[in-house]
Every structure is written in C-alpha cells, then in structure tokens.
Amino acid sequence: MAHKHDHDHDHDHEHDYEEIVVLQDEDGNEQECAIYDFELDGQMYAVLFPIHEPDQGGFIYRMETNEDGEEVLLDIEDDEEFERVLAFLETDVMEME
C-alpha cells in the first residue's frame, strides 16, 4: 500500500511532471496520474497525483529498476524511510511557495 501525501494545490507553482501514467486498482478501475519524481540520498522516488481528483493528494513510491531495465514503483514499507521522504517533500513544497 502506498503512503498518501496530502498536497495543497492552491498555490502558484507548477510541478515538473515527467509523464502521465494510468494506474489500475485491484477492482479494474483506472486513474490517470501525473508523476513528480525526485532523488533523495541516492534513491529515486515518485509522487503520483491523480489528475482528475487533485484534492485526493498524492501517493509516494520508491522507484527501482527491474531486471529488464524498466522503472517500477514500489511501496515504501520502512516507516523511517517514508518519514524522511515526507519531510523532504514538505521542505521542497515550502521552498517552492
């Protein structure tokens, strides 16, 4: 399960979204999301923001490369790692405002 990051979209800066992806949940429901990716301590992370439901906030994932060389999104299972990423995001957002 991805950790959720509430993000207020009522400010004046724009995110640099790398791409738009379509996610499908276990019930087959599809949702378009914009990806904001960043590096922290040598590890890549991504926040996915639902395009059609911006008030929902974002979902934070760790980015890894699989054996086929494709980037995949993984849940952040370590609470300390998640808190470190969340603190970085909150600082990053504050600097942009």
N, C-alpha and C. Protein backbone atom coordinates (compact mmCIF):
# COMPACT_ATOMS: atom_id res chain seq x y z
N MET A 1 0.85 -1.18 0.00
CA MET A 1 0.00 0.00 0.00
C MET A 1 0.89 1.24 0.00
N ALA A 2 0.61 2.14 -0.86
CA ALA A 2 1.39 3.36 -0.95
C ALA A 2 1.01 4.29 0.18
N HIS A 3 1.99 5.04 0.63
CA HIS A 3 1.71 6.08 1.61
C HIS A 3 1.10 7.27 0.90
N LYS A 4 0.15 7.89 1.53
CA LYS A 4 -0.52 9.04 0.93
C LYS A 4 0.13 10.32 1.44
N HIS A 5 0.26 11.27 0.56
CA HIS A 5 0.83 12.58 0.89
C HIS A 5 -0.19 13.62 0.48
N ASP A 6 -0.81 14.28 1.45
CA ASP A 6 -1.75 15.34 1.13
C ASP A 6 -0.96 16.55 0.68
N HIS A 7 -1.42 17.14 -0.39
CA HIS A 7 -0.68 18.24 -1.00
C HIS A 7 -1.69 19.29 -1.43
N ASP A 8 -1.53 20.48 -0.96
CA ASP A 8 -2.43 21.58 -1.29
C ASP A 8 -2.09 22.12 -2.67
N HIS A 9 -3.03 22.03 -3.59
CA HIS A 9 -2.79 22.50 -4.95
C HIS A 9 -3.24 23.94 -5.17
N ASP A 10 -3.51 24.69 -4.11
CA ASP A 10 -3.98 26.06 -4.24
C ASP A 10 -2.85 27.08 -4.23
N HIS A 11 -1.63 26.66 -4.50
CA HIS A 11 -0.52 27.61 -4.53
C HIS A 11 -0.12 27.87 -5.97
N ASP A 12 0.82 28.80 -6.17
CA ASP A 12 1.10 29.32 -7.50
C ASP A 12 2.21 28.63 -8.27
N HIS A 13 2.82 27.57 -7.75
CA HIS A 13 3.91 26.98 -8.52
C HIS A 13 3.40 25.79 -9.32
N GLU A 14 4.18 25.44 -10.34
CA GLU A 14 3.85 24.30 -11.18
C GLU A 14 4.82 23.17 -10.87
N HIS A 15 4.32 21.94 -10.88
CA HIS A 15 5.20 20.78 -10.74
C HIS A 15 5.81 20.46 -12.10
N ASP A 16 6.99 19.89 -12.08
CA ASP A 16 7.61 19.41 -13.29
C ASP A 16 7.29 17.93 -13.43
N TYR A 17 6.15 17.62 -14.02
CA TYR A 17 5.74 16.24 -14.16
C TYR A 17 6.51 15.59 -15.29
N GLU A 18 7.05 14.45 -15.02
CA GLU A 18 7.82 13.72 -16.01
C GLU A 18 6.91 13.08 -17.06
N GLU A 19 5.78 12.54 -16.62
CA GLU A 19 4.89 11.85 -17.53
C GLU A 19 3.54 11.62 -16.86
N ILE A 20 2.60 11.19 -17.66
CA ILE A 20 1.29 10.81 -17.18
C ILE A 20 1.18 9.30 -17.31
N VAL A 21 0.71 8.64 -16.26
CA VAL A 21 0.52 7.19 -16.29
C VAL A 21 -0.92 6.87 -15.92
N VAL A 22 -1.37 5.70 -16.34
CA VAL A 22 -2.69 5.23 -15.97
C VAL A 22 -2.49 4.05 -15.03
N LEU A 23 -3.02 4.20 -13.81
CA LEU A 23 -2.93 3.14 -12.82
C LEU A 23 -4.24 2.38 -12.78
N GLN A 24 -4.15 1.10 -12.49
CA GLN A 24 -5.34 0.28 -12.37
C GLN A 24 -5.34 -0.38 -11.01
N ASP A 25 -6.44 -0.21 -10.25
CA ASP A 25 -6.51 -0.82 -8.93
C ASP A 25 -6.97 -2.27 -9.05
N GLU A 26 -7.06 -2.95 -7.91
CA GLU A 26 -7.42 -4.36 -7.91
C GLU A 26 -8.84 -4.63 -8.41
N ASP A 27 -9.69 -3.60 -8.47
CA ASP A 27 -11.05 -3.74 -8.98
C ASP A 27 -11.15 -3.41 -10.47
N GLY A 28 -10.02 -3.07 -11.10
CA GLY A 28 -10.01 -2.76 -12.51
C GLY A 28 -10.30 -1.30 -12.84
N ASN A 29 -10.45 -0.47 -11.82
CA ASN A 29 -10.70 0.95 -12.04
C ASN A 29 -9.40 1.64 -12.44
N GLU A 30 -9.47 2.47 -13.48
CA GLU A 30 -8.29 3.17 -13.97
C GLU A 30 -8.30 4.62 -13.51
N GLN A 31 -7.11 5.15 -13.25
CA GLN A 31 -6.98 6.54 -12.83
C GLN A 31 -5.71 7.12 -13.44
N GLU A 32 -5.84 8.26 -14.16
CA GLU A 32 -4.68 8.93 -14.72
C GLU A 32 -3.97 9.70 -13.62
N CYS A 33 -2.65 9.58 -13.59
CA CYS A 33 -1.84 10.27 -12.58
C CYS A 33 -0.65 10.94 -13.24
N ALA A 34 -0.31 12.10 -12.72
CA ALA A 34 0.91 12.79 -13.11
C ALA A 34 2.01 12.36 -12.13
N ILE A 35 3.20 12.18 -12.65
CA ILE A 35 4.32 11.74 -11.80
C ILE A 35 5.27 12.90 -11.58
N TYR A 36 5.58 13.14 -10.31
CA TYR A 36 6.64 14.07 -9.92
C TYR A 36 7.72 13.20 -9.32
N ASP A 37 8.89 13.11 -9.96
CA ASP A 37 9.95 12.27 -9.39
C ASP A 37 11.12 13.12 -8.90
N PHE A 38 11.85 12.56 -7.96
CA PHE A 38 12.96 13.27 -7.34
C PHE A 38 13.92 12.27 -6.72
N GLU A 39 15.13 12.74 -6.44
CA GLU A 39 16.16 11.92 -5.83
C GLU A 39 16.39 12.41 -4.41
N LEU A 40 16.54 11.46 -3.49
CA LEU A 40 16.86 11.75 -2.11
C LEU A 40 17.85 10.72 -1.62
N ASP A 41 19.01 11.16 -1.16
CA ASP A 41 20.05 10.27 -0.64
C ASP A 41 20.39 9.14 -1.61
N GLY A 42 20.45 9.49 -2.92
CA GLY A 42 20.84 8.50 -3.92
C GLY A 42 19.74 7.56 -4.36
N GLN A 43 18.54 7.71 -3.82
CA GLN A 43 17.41 6.85 -4.16
C GLN A 43 16.36 7.68 -4.90
N MET A 44 15.78 7.14 -5.95
CA MET A 44 14.72 7.83 -6.68
C MET A 44 13.36 7.50 -6.06
N TYR A 45 12.50 8.52 -6.02
CA TYR A 45 11.14 8.39 -5.51
C TYR A 45 10.19 9.06 -6.48
N ALA A 46 8.91 8.73 -6.39
CA ALA A 46 7.90 9.35 -7.23
C ALA A 46 6.65 9.61 -6.40
N VAL A 47 6.03 10.75 -6.69
CA VAL A 47 4.73 11.06 -6.12
C VAL A 47 3.76 11.07 -7.29
N LEU A 48 2.68 10.30 -7.17
CA LEU A 48 1.66 10.25 -8.21
C LEU A 48 0.46 11.06 -7.76
N PHE A 49 0.08 12.03 -8.58
CA PHE A 49 -1.06 12.90 -8.29
C PHE A 49 -2.19 12.55 -9.25
N PRO A 50 -3.34 12.10 -8.74
CA PRO A 50 -4.49 11.83 -9.62
C PRO A 50 -4.90 13.12 -10.35
N ILE A 51 -4.95 13.07 -11.66
CA ILE A 51 -5.23 14.25 -12.47
C ILE A 51 -6.65 14.75 -12.27
N HIS A 52 -7.60 13.83 -12.24
CA HIS A 52 -9.00 14.23 -12.19
C HIS A 52 -9.51 14.39 -10.76
N GLU A 53 -8.69 14.11 -9.77
CA GLU A 53 -9.08 14.28 -8.37
C GLU A 53 -7.91 14.91 -7.59
N PRO A 54 -7.55 16.17 -7.92
CA PRO A 54 -6.38 16.79 -7.29
C PRO A 54 -6.49 16.97 -5.78
N ASP A 55 -7.71 17.03 -5.25
CA ASP A 55 -7.87 17.17 -3.80
C ASP A 55 -7.53 15.88 -3.06
N GLN A 56 -7.38 14.78 -3.78
CA GLN A 56 -7.08 13.50 -3.16
C GLN A 56 -5.65 13.45 -2.61
N GLY A 57 -4.78 14.33 -3.07
CA GLY A 57 -3.38 14.30 -2.63
C GLY A 57 -2.58 13.38 -3.52
N GLY A 58 -1.38 13.06 -3.10
CA GLY A 58 -0.50 12.21 -3.89
C GLY A 58 -0.14 10.94 -3.16
N PHE A 59 0.37 9.98 -3.92
CA PHE A 59 0.82 8.71 -3.38
C PHE A 59 2.31 8.59 -3.63
N ILE A 60 3.06 8.29 -2.58
CA ILE A 60 4.52 8.26 -2.64
C ILE A 60 5.02 6.83 -2.84
N TYR A 61 5.91 6.66 -3.81
CA TYR A 61 6.51 5.36 -4.09
C TYR A 61 8.03 5.50 -4.20
N ARG A 62 8.71 4.38 -4.02
CA ARG A 62 10.14 4.27 -4.28
C ARG A 62 10.27 3.78 -5.72
N MET A 63 11.21 4.34 -6.46
CA MET A 63 11.45 3.91 -7.85
C MET A 63 12.68 3.00 -7.88
N GLU A 64 12.52 1.87 -8.52
CA GLU A 64 13.61 0.91 -8.70
C GLU A 64 13.65 0.51 -10.17
N THR A 65 14.75 -0.09 -10.59
CA THR A 65 14.87 -0.64 -11.94
C THR A 65 14.83 -2.15 -11.83
N ASN A 66 13.91 -2.79 -12.59
CA ASN A 66 13.80 -4.24 -12.52
C ASN A 66 14.86 -4.90 -13.40
N GLU A 67 14.84 -6.23 -13.45
CA GLU A 67 15.85 -6.98 -14.20
C GLU A 67 15.79 -6.74 -15.70
N ASP A 68 14.66 -6.22 -16.20
CA ASP A 68 14.52 -5.91 -17.63
C ASP A 68 14.93 -4.47 -17.94
N GLY A 69 15.41 -3.74 -16.91
CA GLY A 69 15.82 -2.36 -17.11
C GLY A 69 14.69 -1.36 -17.09
N GLU A 70 13.48 -1.79 -16.71
CA GLU A 70 12.33 -0.90 -16.65
C GLU A 70 12.19 -0.33 -15.24
N GLU A 71 11.75 0.94 -15.18
CA GLU A 71 11.50 1.54 -13.88
C GLU A 71 10.17 1.03 -13.34
N VAL A 72 10.17 0.66 -12.06
CA VAL A 72 8.95 0.19 -11.41
C VAL A 72 8.75 0.97 -10.12
N LEU A 73 7.51 1.10 -9.71
CA LEU A 73 7.16 1.80 -8.47
C LEU A 73 6.90 0.77 -7.39
N LEU A 74 7.52 0.97 -6.23
CA LEU A 74 7.37 0.05 -5.12
C LEU A 74 6.87 0.80 -3.89
N ASP A 75 6.10 0.12 -3.08
CA ASP A 75 5.66 0.71 -1.82
C ASP A 75 6.85 0.97 -0.91
N ILE A 76 6.79 2.03 -0.15
CA ILE A 76 7.81 2.30 0.87
C ILE A 76 7.31 1.65 2.15
N GLU A 77 7.94 0.56 2.53
CA GLU A 77 7.47 -0.20 3.68
C GLU A 77 8.14 0.21 4.99
N ASP A 78 9.28 0.85 4.91
CA ASP A 78 10.01 1.28 6.09
C ASP A 78 9.48 2.64 6.55
N ASP A 79 8.93 2.71 7.76
CA ASP A 79 8.35 3.95 8.26
C ASP A 79 9.37 5.08 8.37
N GLU A 80 10.60 4.78 8.76
CA GLU A 80 11.63 5.81 8.87
C GLU A 80 11.96 6.39 7.50
N GLU A 81 12.05 5.52 6.50
CA GLU A 81 12.31 5.99 5.13
C GLU A 81 11.16 6.87 4.66
N PHE A 82 9.93 6.44 4.90
CA PHE A 82 8.78 7.24 4.49
C PHE A 82 8.79 8.61 5.17
N GLU A 83 9.08 8.65 6.46
CA GLU A 83 9.10 9.93 7.19
C GLU A 83 10.19 10.86 6.64
N ARG A 84 11.33 10.29 6.26
CA ARG A 84 12.43 11.07 5.68
C ARG A 84 12.00 11.66 4.32
N VAL A 85 11.34 10.83 3.50
CA VAL A 85 10.86 11.29 2.19
C VAL A 85 9.78 12.36 2.37
N LEU A 86 8.86 12.14 3.29
CA LEU A 86 7.79 13.10 3.54
C LEU A 86 8.36 14.44 4.01
N ALA A 87 9.34 14.40 4.90
CA ALA A 87 9.97 15.63 5.39
C ALA A 87 10.64 16.38 4.23
N PHE A 88 11.29 15.64 3.35
CA PHE A 88 11.91 16.25 2.17
C PHE A 88 10.86 16.92 1.30
N LEU A 89 9.76 16.22 1.03
CA LEU A 89 8.69 16.78 0.20
C LEU A 89 8.09 18.03 0.81
N GLU A 90 7.87 17.99 2.11
CA GLU A 90 7.29 19.16 2.77
C GLU A 90 8.24 20.35 2.70
N THR A 91 9.53 20.12 2.84
CA THR A 91 10.52 21.18 2.71
C THR A 91 10.58 21.68 1.27
N ASP A 92 10.55 20.77 0.32
CA ASP A 92 10.58 21.11 -1.11
C ASP A 92 9.39 21.97 -1.48
N VAL A 93 8.21 21.62 -1.01
CA VAL A 93 7.00 22.38 -1.30
C VAL A 93 7.07 23.77 -0.67
N MET A 94 7.56 23.84 0.56
CA MET A 94 7.66 25.14 1.25
C MET A 94 8.61 26.06 0.48
N GLU A 95 9.69 25.52 -0.06
CA GLU A 95 10.66 26.35 -0.80
C GLU A 95 10.06 26.85 -2.11
N MET A 96 9.13 26.10 -2.71
CA MET A 96 8.51 26.49 -3.97
C MET A 96 7.45 27.58 -3.78
N GLU A 97 6.86 27.67 -2.60
CA GLU A 97 5.78 28.63 -2.38
C GLU A 97 6.31 30.04 -2.19
